[in-house]
Amino acid sequence: MSIDRAILVFAGFMVLLSLLLTRFVHPAFVWFSVFIGVNMIQSAFTGFCPAASLLRKLGLARDSAF
């Protein structure tokens, strides 16, 4: 699996997790979803993604985006 695909899986999982936390734990967890969205937008413009850096250190193959 390449870093690009792993980031898509990770981002999707985190959004779903934050929505579940918002629904079942506390409504303030909606800010976790906001953080994830902002991070995705900034990585689209800057090319820097903290999760991609971590996955690269874990040995996943590089792809074109990250």
PDB file of N, CA and C in Angstrom:
ATOM      1  N   MET A   1       0.854  -1.176   0.000  1.00  0.00           N
ATOM      2  CA  MET A   1       0.000   0.000   0.000  1.00  0.00           C
ATOM      3  C   MET A   1       0.895   1.233   0.000  1.00  0.00           C
ATOM      4  N   SER A   2       0.547   2.200  -0.820  1.00  0.00           N
ATOM      5  CA  SER A   2       1.317   3.437  -0.884  1.00  0.00           C
ATOM      6  C   SER A   2       0.842   4.412   0.198  1.00  0.00           C
ATOM      7  N   ILE A   3       1.650   5.425   0.419  1.00  0.00           N
ATOM      8  CA  ILE A   3       1.315   6.435   1.423  1.00  0.00           C
ATOM      9  C   ILE A   3       0.014   7.149   1.054  1.00  0.00           C
ATOM     10  N   ASP A   4      -0.177   7.445  -0.232  1.00  0.00           N
ATOM     11  CA  ASP A   4      -1.389   8.156  -0.658  1.00  0.00           C
ATOM     12  C   ASP A   4      -2.656   7.403  -0.251  1.00  0.00           C
ATOM     13  N   ARG A   5      -2.675   6.120  -0.531  1.00  0.00           N
ATOM     14  CA  ARG A   5      -3.859   5.321  -0.186  1.00  0.00           C
ATOM     15  C   ARG A   5      -3.999   5.162   1.321  1.00  0.00           C
ATOM     16  N   ALA A   6      -2.890   5.011   2.021  1.00  0.00           N
ATOM     17  CA  ALA A   6      -2.937   4.882   3.470  1.00  0.00           C
ATOM     18  C   ALA A   6      -3.469   6.166   4.113  1.00  0.00           C
ATOM     19  N   ILE A   7      -3.110   7.317   3.554  1.00  0.00           N
ATOM     20  CA  ILE A   7      -3.612   8.595   4.079  1.00  0.00           C
ATOM     21  C   ILE A   7      -5.117   8.700   3.873  1.00  0.00           C
ATOM     22  N   LEU A   8      -5.608   8.263   2.728  1.00  0.00           N
ATOM     23  CA  LEU A   8      -7.051   8.292   2.483  1.00  0.00           C
ATOM     24  C   LEU A   8      -7.798   7.404   3.473  1.00  0.00           C
ATOM     25  N   VAL A   9      -7.266   6.224   3.714  1.00  0.00           N
ATOM     26  CA  VAL A   9      -7.883   5.317   4.684  1.00  0.00           C
ATOM     27  C   VAL A   9      -7.840   5.929   6.079  1.00  0.00           C
ATOM     28  N   PHE A  10      -6.695   6.463   6.457  1.00  0.00           N
ATOM     29  CA  PHE A  10      -6.525   7.054   7.784  1.00  0.00           C
ATOM     30  C   PHE A  10      -7.455   8.254   7.990  1.00  0.00           C
ATOM     31  N   ALA A  11      -7.533   9.139   7.009  1.00  0.00           N
ATOM     32  CA  ALA A  11      -8.393  10.320   7.117  1.00  0.00           C
ATOM     33  C   ALA A  11      -9.861   9.917   7.208  1.00  0.00           C
ATOM     34  N   GLY A  12     -10.278   8.969   6.393  1.00  0.00           N
ATOM     35  CA  GLY A  12     -11.657   8.501   6.452  1.00  0.00           C
ATOM     36  C   GLY A  12     -11.985   7.876   7.798  1.00  0.00           C
ATOM     37  N   PHE A  13     -11.065   7.063   8.310  1.00  0.00           N
ATOM     38  CA  PHE A  13     -11.263   6.447   9.619  1.00  0.00           C
ATOM     39  C   PHE A  13     -11.376   7.503  10.713  1.00  0.00           C
ATOM     40  N   MET A  14     -10.503   8.512  10.673  1.00  0.00           N
ATOM     41  CA  MET A  14     -10.513   9.550  11.706  1.00  0.00           C
ATOM     42  C   MET A  14     -11.800  10.381  11.660  1.00  0.00           C
ATOM     43  N   VAL A  15     -12.304  10.686  10.472  1.00  0.00           N
ATOM     44  CA  VAL A  15     -13.559  11.428  10.351  1.00  0.00           C
ATOM     45  C   VAL A  15     -14.704  10.611  10.937  1.00  0.00           C
ATOM     46  N   LEU A  16     -14.776   9.333  10.596  1.00  0.00           N
ATOM     47  CA  LEU A  16     -15.837   8.483  11.139  1.00  0.00           C
ATOM     48  C   LEU A  16     -15.710   8.338  12.652  1.00  0.00           C
ATOM     49  N   LEU A  17     -14.484   8.194  13.147  1.00  0.00           N
ATOM     50  CA  LEU A  17     -14.266   8.111  14.586  1.00  0.00           C
ATOM     51  C   LEU A  17     -14.724   9.383  15.290  1.00  0.00           C
ATOM     52  N   SER A  18     -14.388  10.528  14.723  1.00  0.00           N
ATOM     53  CA  SER A  18     -14.783  11.786  15.353  1.00  0.00           C
ATOM     54  C   SER A  18     -16.300  11.974  15.348  1.00  0.00           C
ATOM     55  N   LEU A  19     -16.953  11.512  14.290  1.00  0.00           N
ATOM     56  CA  LEU A  19     -18.413  11.595  14.258  1.00  0.00           C
ATOM     57  C   LEU A  19     -19.053  10.676  15.294  1.00  0.00           C
ATOM     58  N   LEU A  20     -18.493   9.485  15.468  1.00  0.00           N
ATOM     59  CA  LEU A  20     -18.994   8.579  16.498  1.00  0.00           C
ATOM     60  C   LEU A  20     -18.772   9.156  17.895  1.00  0.00           C
ATOM     61  N   LEU A  21     -17.601   9.745  18.122  1.00  0.00           N
ATOM     62  CA  LEU A  21     -17.334  10.369  19.417  1.00  0.00           C
ATOM     63  C   LEU A  21     -18.279  11.539  19.674  1.00  0.00           C
ATOM     64  N   THR A  22     -18.561  12.314  18.626  1.00  0.00           N
ATOM     65  CA  THR A  22     -19.491  13.435  18.761  1.00  0.00           C
ATOM     66  C   THR A  22     -20.876  12.946  19.137  1.00  0.00           C
ATOM     67  N   ARG A  23     -21.303  11.884  18.516  1.00  0.00           N
ATOM     68  CA  ARG A  23     -22.659  11.365  18.750  1.00  0.00           C
ATOM     69  C   ARG A  23     -22.801  10.685  20.104  1.00  0.00           C
ATOM     70  N   PHE A  24     -21.816   9.877  20.502  1.00  0.00           N
ATOM     71  CA  PHE A  24     -21.981   9.031  21.673  1.00  0.00           C
ATOM     72  C   PHE A  24     -21.222   9.477  22.919  1.00  0.00           C
ATOM     73  N   VAL A  25     -20.260  10.390  22.787  1.00  0.00           N
ATOM     74  CA  VAL A  25     -19.480  10.797  23.956  1.00  0.00           C
ATOM     75  C   VAL A  25     -19.786  12.236  24.357  1.00  0.00           C
ATOM     76  N   HIS A  26     -19.482  13.172  23.452  1.00  0.00           N
ATOM     77  CA  HIS A  26     -19.700  14.585  23.775  1.00  0.00           C
ATOM     78  C   HIS A  26     -19.761  15.388  22.484  1.00  0.00           C
ATOM     79  N   PRO A  27     -20.694  16.332  22.400  1.00  0.00           N
ATOM     80  CA  PRO A  27     -20.831  17.131  21.170  1.00  0.00           C
ATOM     81  C   PRO A  27     -19.592  17.954  20.811  1.00  0.00           C
ATOM     82  N   ALA A  28     -18.737  18.237  21.767  1.00  0.00           N
ATOM     83  CA  ALA A  28     -17.546  19.040  21.484  1.00  0.00           C
ATOM     84  C   ALA A  28     -16.538  18.296  20.602  1.00  0.00           C
ATOM     85  N   PHE A  29     -16.698  16.986  20.449  1.00  0.00           N
ATOM     86  CA  PHE A  29     -15.810  16.240  19.570  1.00  0.00           C
ATOM     87  C   PHE A  29     -15.997  16.630  18.109  1.00  0.00           C
ATOM     88  N   VAL A  30     -17.001  17.430  17.798  1.00  0.00           N
ATOM     89  CA  VAL A  30     -17.168  17.926  16.430  1.00  0.00           C
ATOM     90  C   VAL A  30     -15.946  18.746  16.020  1.00  0.00           C
ATOM     91  N   TRP A  31     -15.265  19.349  16.991  1.00  0.00           N
ATOM     92  CA  TRP A  31     -14.063  20.125  16.689  1.00  0.00           C
ATOM     93  C   TRP A  31     -12.923  19.237  16.202  1.00  0.00           C
ATOM     94  N   PHE A  32     -12.957  17.964  16.559  1.00  0.00           N
ATOM     95  CA  PHE A  32     -11.985  17.007  16.041  1.00  0.00           C
ATOM     96  C   PHE A  32     -12.187  16.849  14.538  1.00  0.00           C
ATOM     97  N   SER A  33     -13.441  16.797  14.096  1.00  0.00           N
ATOM     98  CA  SER A  33     -13.742  16.732  12.661  1.00  0.00           C
ATOM     99  C   SER A  33     -13.262  17.988  11.946  1.00  0.00           C
ATOM    100  N   VAL A  34     -13.452  19.127  12.574  1.00  0.00           N
ATOM    101  CA  VAL A  34     -12.989  20.395  12.000  1.00  0.00           C
ATOM    102  C   VAL A  34     -11.469  20.380  11.845  1.00  0.00           C
ATOM    103  N   PHE A  35     -10.770  19.911  12.862  1.00  0.00           N
ATOM    104  CA  PHE A  35      -9.311  19.825  12.805  1.00  0.00           C
ATOM    105  C   PHE A  35      -8.858  18.932  11.658  1.00  0.00           C
ATOM    106  N   ILE A  36      -9.510  17.801  11.503  1.00  0.00           N
ATOM    107  CA  ILE A  36      -9.152  16.877  10.427  1.00  0.00           C
ATOM    108  C   ILE A  36      -9.361  17.539   9.065  1.00  0.00           C
ATOM    109  N   GLY A  37     -10.484  18.213   8.892  1.00  0.00           N
ATOM    110  CA  GLY A  37     -10.769  18.894   7.631  1.00  0.00           C
ATOM    111  C   GLY A  37      -9.767  19.990   7.319  1.00  0.00           C
ATOM    112  N   VAL A  38      -9.428  20.782   8.318  1.00  0.00           N
ATOM    113  CA  VAL A  38      -8.446  21.857   8.121  1.00  0.00           C
ATOM    114  C   VAL A  38      -7.085  21.275   7.768  1.00  0.00           C
ATOM    115  N   ASN A  39      -6.713  20.184   8.429  1.00  0.00           N
ATOM    116  CA  ASN A  39      -5.432  19.542   8.135  1.00  0.00           C
ATOM    117  C   ASN A  39      -5.411  19.009   6.708  1.00  0.00           C
ATOM    118  N   MET A  40      -6.519  18.449   6.240  1.00  0.00           N
ATOM    119  CA  MET A  40      -6.579  17.948   4.866  1.00  0.00           C
ATOM    120  C   MET A  40      -6.458  19.087   3.854  1.00  0.00           C
ATOM    121  N   ILE A  41      -7.095  20.221   4.140  1.00  0.00           N
ATOM    122  CA  ILE A  41      -7.023  21.376   3.243  1.00  0.00           C
ATOM    123  C   ILE A  41      -5.603  21.939   3.200  1.00  0.00           C
ATOM    124  N   GLN A  42      -4.972  22.109   4.364  1.00  0.00           N
ATOM    125  CA  GLN A  42      -3.619  22.677   4.364  1.00  0.00           C
ATOM    126  C   GLN A  42      -2.639  21.737   3.699  1.00  0.00           C
ATOM    127  N   SER A  43      -2.817  20.427   3.836  1.00  0.00           N
ATOM    128  CA  SER A  43      -1.888  19.506   3.175  1.00  0.00           C
ATOM    129  C   SER A  43      -2.065  19.520   1.656  1.00  0.00           C
ATOM    130  N   ALA A  44      -3.275  19.823   1.193  1.00  0.00           N
ATOM    131  CA  ALA A  44      -3.491  19.931  -0.255  1.00  0.00           C
ATOM    132  C   ALA A  44      -2.734  21.123  -0.835  1.00  0.00           C
ATOM    133  N   PHE A  45      -2.634  22.196  -0.064  1.00  0.00           N
ATOM    134  CA  PHE A  45      -1.944  23.387  -0.557  1.00  0.00           C
ATOM    135  C   PHE A  45      -0.438  23.356  -0.315  1.00  0.00           C
ATOM    136  N   THR A  46      -0.025  22.799   0.828  1.00  0.00           N
ATOM    137  CA  THR A  46       1.393  22.847   1.182  1.00  0.00           C
ATOM    138  C   THR A  46       2.157  21.574   0.834  1.00  0.00           C
ATOM    139  N   GLY A  47       1.452  20.456   0.721  1.00  0.00           N
ATOM    140  CA  GLY A  47       2.128  19.189   0.476  1.00  0.00           C
ATOM    141  C   GLY A  47       2.675  18.553   1.729  1.00  0.00           C
ATOM    142  N   PHE A  48       2.499  19.197   2.889  1.00  0.00           N
ATOM    143  CA  PHE A  48       2.979  18.649   4.155  1.00  0.00           C
ATOM    144  C   PHE A  48       1.832  17.986   4.893  1.00  0.00           C
ATOM    145  N   CYS A  49       2.030  16.727   5.246  1.00  0.00           N
ATOM    146  CA  CYS A  49       1.034  15.982   6.004  1.00  0.00           C
ATOM    147  C   CYS A  49       1.753  15.232   7.123  1.00  0.00           C
ATOM    148  N   PRO A  50       1.454  15.539   8.380  1.00  0.00           N
ATOM    149  CA  PRO A  50       2.124  14.858   9.494  1.00  0.00           C
ATOM    150  C   PRO A  50       1.938  13.339   9.460  1.00  0.00           C
ATOM    151  N   ALA A  51       0.757  12.886   9.088  1.00  0.00           N
ATOM    152  CA  ALA A  51       0.513  11.444   9.030  1.00  0.00           C
ATOM    153  C   ALA A  51       1.364  10.794   7.937  1.00  0.00           C
ATOM    154  N   ALA A  52       1.572  11.485   6.827  1.00  0.00           N
ATOM    155  CA  ALA A  52       2.416  10.946   5.753  1.00  0.00           C
ATOM    156  C   ALA A  52       3.858  10.814   6.222  1.00  0.00           C
ATOM    157  N   SER A  53       4.323  11.768   7.008  1.00  0.00           N
ATOM    158  CA  SER A  53       5.688  11.682   7.544  1.00  0.00           C
ATOM    159  C   SER A  53       5.836  10.461   8.442  1.00  0.00           C
ATOM    160  N   LEU A  54       4.842  10.217   9.263  1.00  0.00           N
ATOM    161  CA  LEU A  54       4.867   9.056  10.147  1.00  0.00           C
ATOM    162  C   LEU A  54       4.826   7.755   9.351  1.00  0.00           C
ATOM    163  N   LEU A  55       3.956   7.678   8.357  1.00  0.00           N
ATOM    164  CA  LEU A  55       3.845   6.470   7.545  1.00  0.00           C
ATOM    165  C   LEU A  55       5.117   6.217   6.736  1.00  0.00           C
ATOM    166  N   ARG A  56       5.772   7.282   6.312  1.00  0.00           N
ATOM    167  CA  ARG A  56       7.032   7.139   5.576  1.00  0.00           C
ATOM    168  C   ARG A  56       8.090   6.532   6.480  1.00  0.00           C
ATOM    169  N   LYS A  57       8.129   6.972   7.758  1.00  0.00           N
ATOM    170  CA  LYS A  57       9.090   6.412   8.711  1.00  0.00           C
ATOM    171  C   LYS A  57       8.792   4.955   9.021  1.00  0.00           C
ATOM    172  N   LEU A  58       7.522   4.562   8.889  1.00  0.00           N
ATOM    173  CA  LEU A  58       7.142   3.165   9.117  1.00  0.00           C
ATOM    174  C   LEU A  58       7.447   2.278   7.917  1.00  0.00           C
ATOM    175  N   GLY A  59       7.869   2.884   6.807  1.00  0.00           N
ATOM    176  CA  GLY A  59       8.333   2.116   5.672  1.00  0.00           C
ATOM    177  C   GLY A  59       7.364   1.968   4.511  1.00  0.00           C
ATOM    178  N   LEU A  60       6.277   2.703   4.490  1.00  0.00           N
ATOM    179  CA  LEU A  60       5.367   2.620   3.352  1.00  0.00           C
ATOM    180  C   LEU A  60       6.001   3.270   2.136  1.00  0.00           C
ATOM    181  N   ALA A  61       5.634   2.763   0.971  1.00  0.00           N
ATOM    182  CA  ALA A  61       6.206   3.268  -0.276  1.00  0.00           C
ATOM    183  C   ALA A  61       5.695   4.666  -0.599  1.00  0.00           C
ATOM    184  N   ARG A  62       6.586   5.488  -1.109  1.00  0.00           N
ATOM    185  CA  ARG A  62       6.206   6.846  -1.523  1.00  0.00           C
ATOM    186  C   ARG A  62       5.400   6.789  -2.802  1.00  0.00           C
ATOM    187  N   ASP A  63       4.520   7.780  -2.946  1.00  0.00           N
ATOM    188  CA  ASP A  63       3.748   7.922  -4.170  1.00  0.00           C
ATOM    189  C   ASP A  63       3.837   9.377  -4.589  1.00  0.00           C
ATOM    190  N   SER A  64       3.043   9.784  -5.541  1.00  0.00           N
ATOM    191  CA  SER A  64       3.220  11.109  -6.135  1.00  0.00           C
ATOM    192  C   SER A  64       2.815  12.266  -5.234  1.00  0.00           C
ATOM    193  N   ALA A  65       1.764  12.137  -4.441  1.00  0.00           N
ATOM    194  CA  ALA A  65       1.246  13.284  -3.688  1.00  0.00           C
ATOM    195  C   ALA A  65       2.098  13.622  -2.466  1.00  0.00           C
ATOM    196  N   PHE A  66       2.506  12.638  -1.706  1.00  0.00           N
ATOM    197  CA  PHE A  66       3.234  12.914  -0.477  1.00  0.00           C
ATOM    198  C   PHE A  66       4.652  12.392  -0.582  1.00  0.00           C
TER     199      PHE A  66
END
